Amino acid sequence: MSLSCRLLCGSLGICSGWICLLLATCTNDWVITCSFGIHTCLKMDELESKGLWAECVISTALYHCSTLNQILTLPAYIQTSRALMVSASLLGLPSVLLALLATPCVRLGDESDGTKRKQALFGGILALIVSVCGLVSTVWFPIGAHYEDGLMSFGFSLYVGWLGSALCFLGGLVLTFCTGSDDAPAQRPEKRFYYSKHHGLTDSIETSNNHAKSAHV
């Protein structure tokens, strides 16, 4: 696979993963909990959905959400997940910009291939950090919800967060470790020696200088 293809694949993965993480951060369907037991809640058609920012009651006739405004009284897993997802969303923006600038179809001024590789490297490192933040948040949140409320199932937002973390991780790996130079290393000029009857062994540099002098004569 050529360097251009690797850059495009890595940039596409990072962009898609960042969008998924933004969607997971903004929505509140992380886990679905039940206070009266699974069978009772299904019969009563009353399920509760919990996210980073609100708790919602889900039923056929009612959908009501209460915002989680008491920051100091919130459980540690919610506060930590909030901080990690917000950090992932903010760090994802420069990562996406660097990944897009590293693609071969975008060129600013007289950018060299070395500059694009540096942009890809920095963008890939940021994407790896974003993926770690998203993964820790999406794993820690359902564990905390299970111990607090009794977890029934994972919600749509949690699956989207896992997908976004995986895409950012893969895209970051491609840009960080798979964007090396495709060009063959420049060969050093061989130092060749020539034999002369008058001067013995002479190297190629001296020979070229002698040829240049003789040309001027």
C-alpha atoms as a PDB file:
ATOM      1  CA  MET A   1       0.000   0.000   0.000  1.00  0.00           C
ATOM      2  CA  SER A   2       1.428   3.362  -0.977  1.00  0.00           C
ATOM      3  CA  LEU A   3       1.989   6.254   1.367  1.00  0.00           C
ATOM      4  CA  SER A   4      -0.960   8.194  -0.082  1.00  0.00           C
ATOM      5  CA  CYS A   5      -3.353   5.314   0.555  1.00  0.00           C
ATOM      6  CA  ARG A   6      -2.145   4.935   4.132  1.00  0.00           C
ATOM      7  CA  LEU A   7      -2.567   8.634   4.793  1.00  0.00           C
ATOM      8  CA  LEU A   8      -6.079   8.652   3.356  1.00  0.00           C
ATOM      9  CA  CYS A   9      -7.136   5.543   5.303  1.00  0.00           C
ATOM     10  CA  GLY A  10      -5.718   6.858   8.562  1.00  0.00           C
ATOM     11  CA  SER A  11      -7.299  10.290   8.112  1.00  0.00           C
ATOM     12  CA  LEU A  12     -10.671   8.774   7.244  1.00  0.00           C
ATOM     13  CA  GLY A  13     -10.557   6.542  10.329  1.00  0.00           C
ATOM     14  CA  ILE A  14      -9.695   9.444  12.625  1.00  0.00           C
ATOM     15  CA  CYS A  15     -12.424  11.696  11.205  1.00  0.00           C
ATOM     16  CA  SER A  16     -15.081   8.974  11.464  1.00  0.00           C
ATOM     17  CA  GLY A  17     -13.993   8.034  14.987  1.00  0.00           C
ATOM     18  CA  TRP A  18     -14.059  11.633  16.179  1.00  0.00           C
ATOM     19  CA  ILE A  19     -17.595  12.115  14.849  1.00  0.00           C
ATOM     20  CA  CYS A  20     -18.700   8.941  16.657  1.00  0.00           C
ATOM     21  CA  LEU A  21     -17.158  10.159  19.905  1.00  0.00           C
ATOM     22  CA  LEU A  22     -18.904  13.517  19.562  1.00  0.00           C
ATOM     23  CA  LEU A  23     -22.212  11.733  19.036  1.00  0.00           C
ATOM     24  CA  ALA A  24     -21.635   9.531  22.073  1.00  0.00           C
ATOM     25  CA  THR A  25     -20.732  12.551  24.199  1.00  0.00           C
ATOM     26  CA  CYS A  26     -23.855  14.511  23.261  1.00  0.00           C
ATOM     27  CA  THR A  27     -26.422  11.715  23.641  1.00  0.00           C
ATOM     28  CA  ASN A  28     -27.695  10.194  26.886  1.00  0.00           C
ATOM     29  CA  ASP A  29     -28.433   6.606  25.860  1.00  0.00           C
ATOM     30  CA  TRP A  30     -25.329   5.103  27.442  1.00  0.00           C
ATOM     31  CA  VAL A  31     -26.898   2.444  29.664  1.00  0.00           C
ATOM     32  CA  ILE A  32     -30.445   1.226  30.264  1.00  0.00           C
ATOM     33  CA  THR A  33     -31.225   0.553  33.901  1.00  0.00           C
ATOM     34  CA  CYS A  34     -34.198  -0.801  35.802  1.00  0.00           C
ATOM     35  CA  SER A  35     -35.093  -0.229  39.456  1.00  0.00           C
ATOM     36  CA  PHE A  36     -37.717  -2.975  39.919  1.00  0.00           C
ATOM     37  CA  GLY A  37     -36.170  -5.923  38.112  1.00  0.00           C
ATOM     38  CA  ILE A  38     -35.993  -6.643  34.406  1.00  0.00           C
ATOM     39  CA  HIS A  39     -39.320  -8.494  34.037  1.00  0.00           C
ATOM     40  CA  THR A  40     -41.235  -5.954  36.124  1.00  0.00           C
ATOM     41  CA  CYS A  41     -39.865  -3.012  34.175  1.00  0.00           C
ATOM     42  CA  LEU A  42     -40.653  -4.664  30.858  1.00  0.00           C
ATOM     43  CA  LYS A  43     -44.245  -5.333  31.953  1.00  0.00           C
ATOM     44  CA  MET A  44     -44.657  -1.794  33.284  1.00  0.00           C
ATOM     45  CA  ASP A  45     -42.941  -0.414  30.179  1.00  0.00           C
ATOM     46  CA  GLU A  46     -40.760   1.815  32.317  1.00  0.00           C
ATOM     47  CA  LEU A  47     -37.078   1.756  31.591  1.00  0.00           C
ATOM     48  CA  GLU A  48     -34.476   4.282  32.608  1.00  0.00           C
ATOM     49  CA  SER A  49     -31.697   5.530  30.378  1.00  0.00           C
ATOM     50  CA  LYS A  50     -28.614   7.176  31.818  1.00  0.00           C
ATOM     51  CA  GLY A  51     -25.943   9.224  30.097  1.00  0.00           C
ATOM     52  CA  LEU A  52     -23.259  11.740  30.934  1.00  0.00           C
ATOM     53  CA  TRP A  53     -25.619  14.679  31.229  1.00  0.00           C
ATOM     54  CA  ALA A  54     -29.102  13.392  32.052  1.00  0.00           C
ATOM     55  CA  GLU A  55     -31.250  10.503  33.273  1.00  0.00           C
ATOM     56  CA  CYS A  56     -34.321   9.685  31.204  1.00  0.00           C
ATOM     57  CA  VAL A  57     -37.461   7.641  31.806  1.00  0.00           C
ATOM     58  CA  ILE A  58     -38.478   5.738  28.681  1.00  0.00           C
ATOM     59  CA  SER A  59     -42.002   4.420  28.070  1.00  0.00           C
ATOM     60  CA  THR A  60     -44.504   4.340  25.228  1.00  0.00           C
ATOM     61  CA  ALA A  61     -46.412   7.322  26.588  1.00  0.00           C
ATOM     62  CA  LEU A  62     -43.635   9.241  28.311  1.00  0.00           C
ATOM     63  CA  TYR A  63     -40.083  10.301  27.643  1.00  0.00           C
ATOM     64  CA  HIS A  64     -38.808  12.552  30.407  1.00  0.00           C
ATOM     65  CA  CYS A  65     -35.211  13.527  31.172  1.00  0.00           C
ATOM     66  CA  SER A  66     -33.776  15.125  34.273  1.00  0.00           C
ATOM     67  CA  THR A  67     -30.482  16.937  33.882  1.00  0.00           C
ATOM     68  CA  LEU A  68     -27.573  15.976  36.108  1.00  0.00           C
ATOM     69  CA  ASN A  69     -26.694  19.450  37.385  1.00  0.00           C
ATOM     70  CA  GLN A  70     -25.355  18.614  40.844  1.00  0.00           C
ATOM     71  CA  ILE A  71     -21.726  18.296  39.862  1.00  0.00           C
ATOM     72  CA  LEU A  72     -20.390  17.912  43.408  1.00  0.00           C
ATOM     73  CA  THR A  73     -22.836  15.141  44.308  1.00  0.00           C
ATOM     74  CA  LEU A  74     -22.441  13.099  41.135  1.00  0.00           C
ATOM     75  CA  PRO A  75     -20.718   9.718  41.342  1.00  0.00           C
ATOM     76  CA  ALA A  76     -17.037   9.614  40.466  1.00  0.00           C
ATOM     77  CA  TYR A  77     -17.563   7.474  37.374  1.00  0.00           C
ATOM     78  CA  ILE A  78     -19.880  10.060  35.798  1.00  0.00           C
ATOM     79  CA  GLN A  79     -17.533  12.969  36.506  1.00  0.00           C
ATOM     80  CA  THR A  80     -14.512  11.059  35.220  1.00  0.00           C
ATOM     81  CA  SER A  81     -16.342   9.912  32.093  1.00  0.00           C
ATOM     82  CA  ARG A  82     -17.464  13.464  31.410  1.00  0.00           C
ATOM     83  CA  ALA A  83     -13.923  14.813  31.710  1.00  0.00           C
ATOM     84  CA  LEU A  84     -12.487  12.077  29.490  1.00  0.00           C
ATOM     85  CA  MET A  85     -15.123  12.435  26.756  1.00  0.00           C
ATOM     86  CA  VAL A  86     -14.836  16.230  26.713  1.00  0.00           C
ATOM     87  CA  SER A  87     -11.048  15.919  26.514  1.00  0.00           C
ATOM     88  CA  ALA A  88     -11.393  13.417  23.666  1.00  0.00           C
ATOM     89  CA  SER A  89     -13.732  15.761  21.793  1.00  0.00           C
ATOM     90  CA  LEU A  90     -11.396  18.731  22.192  1.00  0.00           C
ATOM     91  CA  LEU A  91      -8.212  16.841  21.319  1.00  0.00           C
ATOM     92  CA  GLY A  92      -9.955  15.250  18.356  1.00  0.00           C
ATOM     93  CA  LEU A  93     -10.263  18.572  16.528  1.00  0.00           C
ATOM     94  CA  PRO A  94      -6.496  19.256  16.098  1.00  0.00           C
ATOM     95  CA  SER A  95      -5.993  15.564  15.401  1.00  0.00           C
ATOM     96  CA  VAL A  96      -8.498  15.676  12.539  1.00  0.00           C
ATOM     97  CA  LEU A  97      -7.009  18.902  11.163  1.00  0.00           C
ATOM     98  CA  LEU A  98      -3.480  17.489  11.187  1.00  0.00           C
ATOM     99  CA  ALA A  99      -4.682  14.265   9.597  1.00  0.00           C
ATOM    100  CA  LEU A 100      -6.433  16.173   6.823  1.00  0.00           C
ATOM    101  CA  LEU A 101      -3.396  18.392   6.235  1.00  0.00           C
ATOM    102  CA  ALA A 102      -1.241  15.278   5.928  1.00  0.00           C
ATOM    103  CA  THR A 103      -3.294  13.873   3.047  1.00  0.00           C
ATOM    104  CA  PRO A 104      -1.724  14.201  -0.415  1.00  0.00           C
ATOM    105  CA  CYS A 105      -4.757  16.055  -1.809  1.00  0.00           C
ATOM    106  CA  VAL A 106      -4.200  19.003   0.587  1.00  0.00           C
ATOM    107  CA  ARG A 107      -1.042  21.033   0.176  1.00  0.00           C
ATOM    108  CA  LEU A 108      -0.309  24.433   1.687  1.00  0.00           C
ATOM    109  CA  GLY A 109       2.363  26.375  -0.131  1.00  0.00           C
ATOM    110  CA  ASP A 110       5.571  24.445  -0.771  1.00  0.00           C
ATOM    111  CA  GLU A 111       5.079  21.672   1.755  1.00  0.00           C
ATOM    112  CA  SER A 112       7.498  18.800   1.450  1.00  0.00           C
ATOM    113  CA  ASP A 113       6.802  15.140   2.082  1.00  0.00           C
ATOM    114  CA  GLY A 114       8.762  15.374   5.315  1.00  0.00           C
ATOM    115  CA  THR A 115       6.417  18.080   6.600  1.00  0.00           C
ATOM    116  CA  LYS A 116       3.403  15.957   5.777  1.00  0.00           C
ATOM    117  CA  ARG A 117       4.904  12.998   7.615  1.00  0.00           C
ATOM    118  CA  LYS A 118       5.424  15.154  10.703  1.00  0.00           C
ATOM    119  CA  GLN A 119       1.811  16.312  10.511  1.00  0.00           C
ATOM    120  CA  ALA A 120       0.683  12.712  10.181  1.00  0.00           C
ATOM    121  CA  LEU A 121       2.831  11.703  13.162  1.00  0.00           C
ATOM    122  CA  PHE A 122       1.452  14.406  15.469  1.00  0.00           C
ATOM    123  CA  GLY A 123      -2.105  13.776  14.291  1.00  0.00           C
ATOM    124  CA  GLY A 124      -1.693  10.045  14.890  1.00  0.00           C
ATOM    125  CA  ILE A 125      -0.353  10.552  18.415  1.00  0.00           C
ATOM    126  CA  LEU A 126      -3.292  12.815  19.286  1.00  0.00           C
ATOM    127  CA  ALA A 127      -5.695  10.267  17.816  1.00  0.00           C
ATOM    128  CA  LEU A 128      -4.204   7.544  20.028  1.00  0.00           C
ATOM    129  CA  ILE A 129      -4.706   9.759  23.094  1.00  0.00           C
ATOM    130  CA  VAL A 130      -8.307  10.427  21.994  1.00  0.00           C
ATOM    131  CA  SER A 131      -8.958   6.708  21.594  1.00  0.00           C
ATOM    132  CA  VAL A 132      -7.586   5.945  25.067  1.00  0.00           C
ATOM    133  CA  CYS A 133      -9.788   8.637  26.645  1.00  0.00           C
ATOM    134  CA  GLY A 134     -12.868   7.356  24.830  1.00  0.00           C
ATOM    135  CA  LEU A 135     -12.154   3.719  25.637  1.00  0.00           C
ATOM    136  CA  VAL A 136     -11.570   4.315  29.358  1.00  0.00           C
ATOM    137  CA  SER A 137     -14.753   6.391  29.589  1.00  0.00           C
ATOM    138  CA  THR A 138     -16.973   3.945  27.732  1.00  0.00           C
ATOM    139  CA  VAL A 139     -15.676   1.004  29.791  1.00  0.00           C
ATOM    140  CA  TRP A 140     -15.753   2.698  33.185  1.00  0.00           C
ATOM    141  CA  PHE A 141     -19.247   4.198  32.842  1.00  0.00           C
ATOM    142  CA  PRO A 142     -21.233   0.927  32.481  1.00  0.00           C
ATOM    143  CA  ILE A 143     -19.246  -0.676  35.302  1.00  0.00           C
ATOM    144  CA  GLY A 144     -20.115   2.205  37.629  1.00  0.00           C
ATOM    145  CA  ALA A 145     -23.758   2.201  36.513  1.00  0.00           C
ATOM    146  CA  HIS A 146     -23.972  -1.520  37.166  1.00  0.00           C
ATOM    147  CA  TYR A 147     -22.752  -1.199  40.746  1.00  0.00           C
ATOM    148  CA  GLU A 148     -25.002   1.809  41.417  1.00  0.00           C
ATOM    149  CA  ASP A 149     -28.299   1.016  39.674  1.00  0.00           C
ATOM    150  CA  GLY A 150     -28.075  -2.479  38.233  1.00  0.00           C
ATOM    151  CA  LEU A 151     -27.264  -2.520  34.557  1.00  0.00           C
ATOM    152  CA  MET A 152     -29.766  -4.082  32.196  1.00  0.00           C
ATOM    153  CA  SER A 153     -28.109  -3.491  28.837  1.00  0.00           C
ATOM    154  CA  PHE A 154     -25.795  -1.211  26.951  1.00  0.00           C
ATOM    155  CA  GLY A 155     -27.266   1.738  25.118  1.00  0.00           C
ATOM    156  CA  PHE A 156     -26.784   3.087  21.623  1.00  0.00           C
ATOM    157  CA  SER A 157     -24.372   5.819  22.755  1.00  0.00           C
ATOM    158  CA  LEU A 158     -22.062   3.282  24.340  1.00  0.00           C
ATOM    159  CA  TYR A 159     -21.763   1.262  21.132  1.00  0.00           C
ATOM    160  CA  VAL A 160     -21.076   4.452  19.182  1.00  0.00           C
ATOM    161  CA  GLY A 161     -18.369   5.396  21.687  1.00  0.00           C
ATOM    162  CA  TRP A 162     -16.705   1.998  21.334  1.00  0.00           C
ATOM    163  CA  LEU A 163     -16.801   2.300  17.555  1.00  0.00           C
ATOM    164  CA  GLY A 164     -15.319   5.796  17.660  1.00  0.00           C
ATOM    165  CA  SER A 165     -12.522   4.720  20.010  1.00  0.00           C
ATOM    166  CA  ALA A 166     -11.650   1.781  17.773  1.00  0.00           C
ATOM    167  CA  LEU A 167     -11.589   3.915  14.615  1.00  0.00           C
ATOM    168  CA  CYS A 168      -9.410   6.583  16.245  1.00  0.00           C
ATOM    169  CA  PHE A 169      -7.061   3.891  17.539  1.00  0.00           C
ATOM    170  CA  LEU A 170      -6.671   2.242  14.133  1.00  0.00           C
ATOM    171  CA  GLY A 171      -6.322   5.574  12.329  1.00  0.00           C
ATOM    172  CA  GLY A 172      -3.772   6.760  14.871  1.00  0.00           C
ATOM    173  CA  LEU A 173      -1.745   3.565  14.467  1.00  0.00           C
ATOM    174  CA  VAL A 174      -1.687   3.970  10.690  1.00  0.00           C
ATOM    175  CA  LEU A 175      -0.559   7.595  10.825  1.00  0.00           C
ATOM    176  CA  THR A 176       1.969   7.027  13.610  1.00  0.00           C
ATOM    177  CA  PHE A 177       3.705   3.816  12.543  1.00  0.00           C
ATOM    178  CA  CYS A 178       2.850   3.252   8.872  1.00  0.00           C
ATOM    179  CA  THR A 179       3.724   6.539   7.198  1.00  0.00           C
ATOM    180  CA  GLY A 180       7.442   6.008   6.743  1.00  0.00           C
ATOM    181  CA  SER A 181       9.252   7.043   3.620  1.00  0.00           C
ATOM    182  CA  ASP A 182       8.484   5.040   0.507  1.00  0.00           C
ATOM    183  CA  ASP A 183      11.505   6.370  -1.283  1.00  0.00           C
ATOM    184  CA  ALA A 184      14.631   4.271  -1.358  1.00  0.00           C
ATOM    185  CA  PRO A 185      17.407   5.638   0.799  1.00  0.00           C
ATOM    186  CA  ALA A 186      19.715   7.860  -1.097  1.00  0.00           C
ATOM    187  CA  GLN A 187      22.858   6.043  -2.010  1.00  0.00           C
ATOM    188  CA  ARG A 188      26.059   7.614  -0.939  1.00  0.00           C
ATOM    189  CA  PRO A 189      28.454   8.300  -3.756  1.00  0.00           C
ATOM    190  CA  GLU A 190      30.986   5.559  -3.924  1.00  0.00           C
ATOM    191  CA  LYS A 191      34.568   6.593  -3.431  1.00  0.00           C
ATOM    192  CA  ARG A 192      36.325   5.193  -6.432  1.00  0.00           C
ATOM    193  CA  PHE A 193      40.060   5.190  -6.919  1.00  0.00           C
ATOM    194  CA  TYR A 194      41.892   5.558 -10.190  1.00  0.00           C
ATOM    195  CA  TYR A 195      45.445   4.646 -11.013  1.00  0.00           C
ATOM    196  CA  SER A 196      47.694   7.125 -12.703  1.00  0.00           C
ATOM    197  CA  LYS A 197      51.232   6.515 -13.915  1.00  0.00           C
ATOM    198  CA  HIS A 198      52.430   9.843 -12.577  1.00  0.00           C
ATOM    199  CA  HIS A 199      50.465  10.213  -9.336  1.00  0.00           C
ATOM    200  CA  GLY A 200      49.683   6.650  -8.335  1.00  0.00           C
ATOM    201  CA  LEU A 201      46.255   6.133  -6.734  1.00  0.00           C
ATOM    202  CA  THR A 202      43.895   9.120  -6.847  1.00  0.00           C
ATOM    203  CA  ASP A 203      40.274   9.344  -5.734  1.00  0.00           C
ATOM    204  CA  SER A 204      37.327  10.346  -7.865  1.00  0.00           C
ATOM    205  CA  ILE A 205      37.113  13.892  -6.446  1.00  0.00           C
ATOM    206  CA  GLU A 206      40.682  14.727  -7.374  1.00  0.00           C
ATOM    207  CA  THR A 207      40.181  13.149 -10.782  1.00  0.00           C
ATOM    208  CA  SER A 208      37.122  15.275 -11.445  1.00  0.00           C
ATOM    209  CA  ASN A 209      39.044  18.382 -10.372  1.00  0.00           C
ATOM    210  CA  ASN A 210      41.878  17.482 -12.735  1.00  0.00           C
ATOM    211  CA  HIS A 211      39.402  16.975 -15.553  1.00  0.00           C
ATOM    212  CA  ALA A 212      37.850  20.343 -14.789  1.00  0.00           C
ATOM    213  CA  LYS A 213      41.252  22.055 -14.823  1.00  0.00           C
ATOM    214  CA  SER A 214      42.204  20.393 -18.092  1.00  0.00           C
ATOM    215  CA  ALA A 215      38.921  21.529 -19.581  1.00  0.00           C
ATOM    216  CA  HIS A 216      39.704  25.115 -18.703  1.00  0.00           C
ATOM    217  CA  VAL A 217      43.117  24.826 -20.286  1.00  0.00           C
END
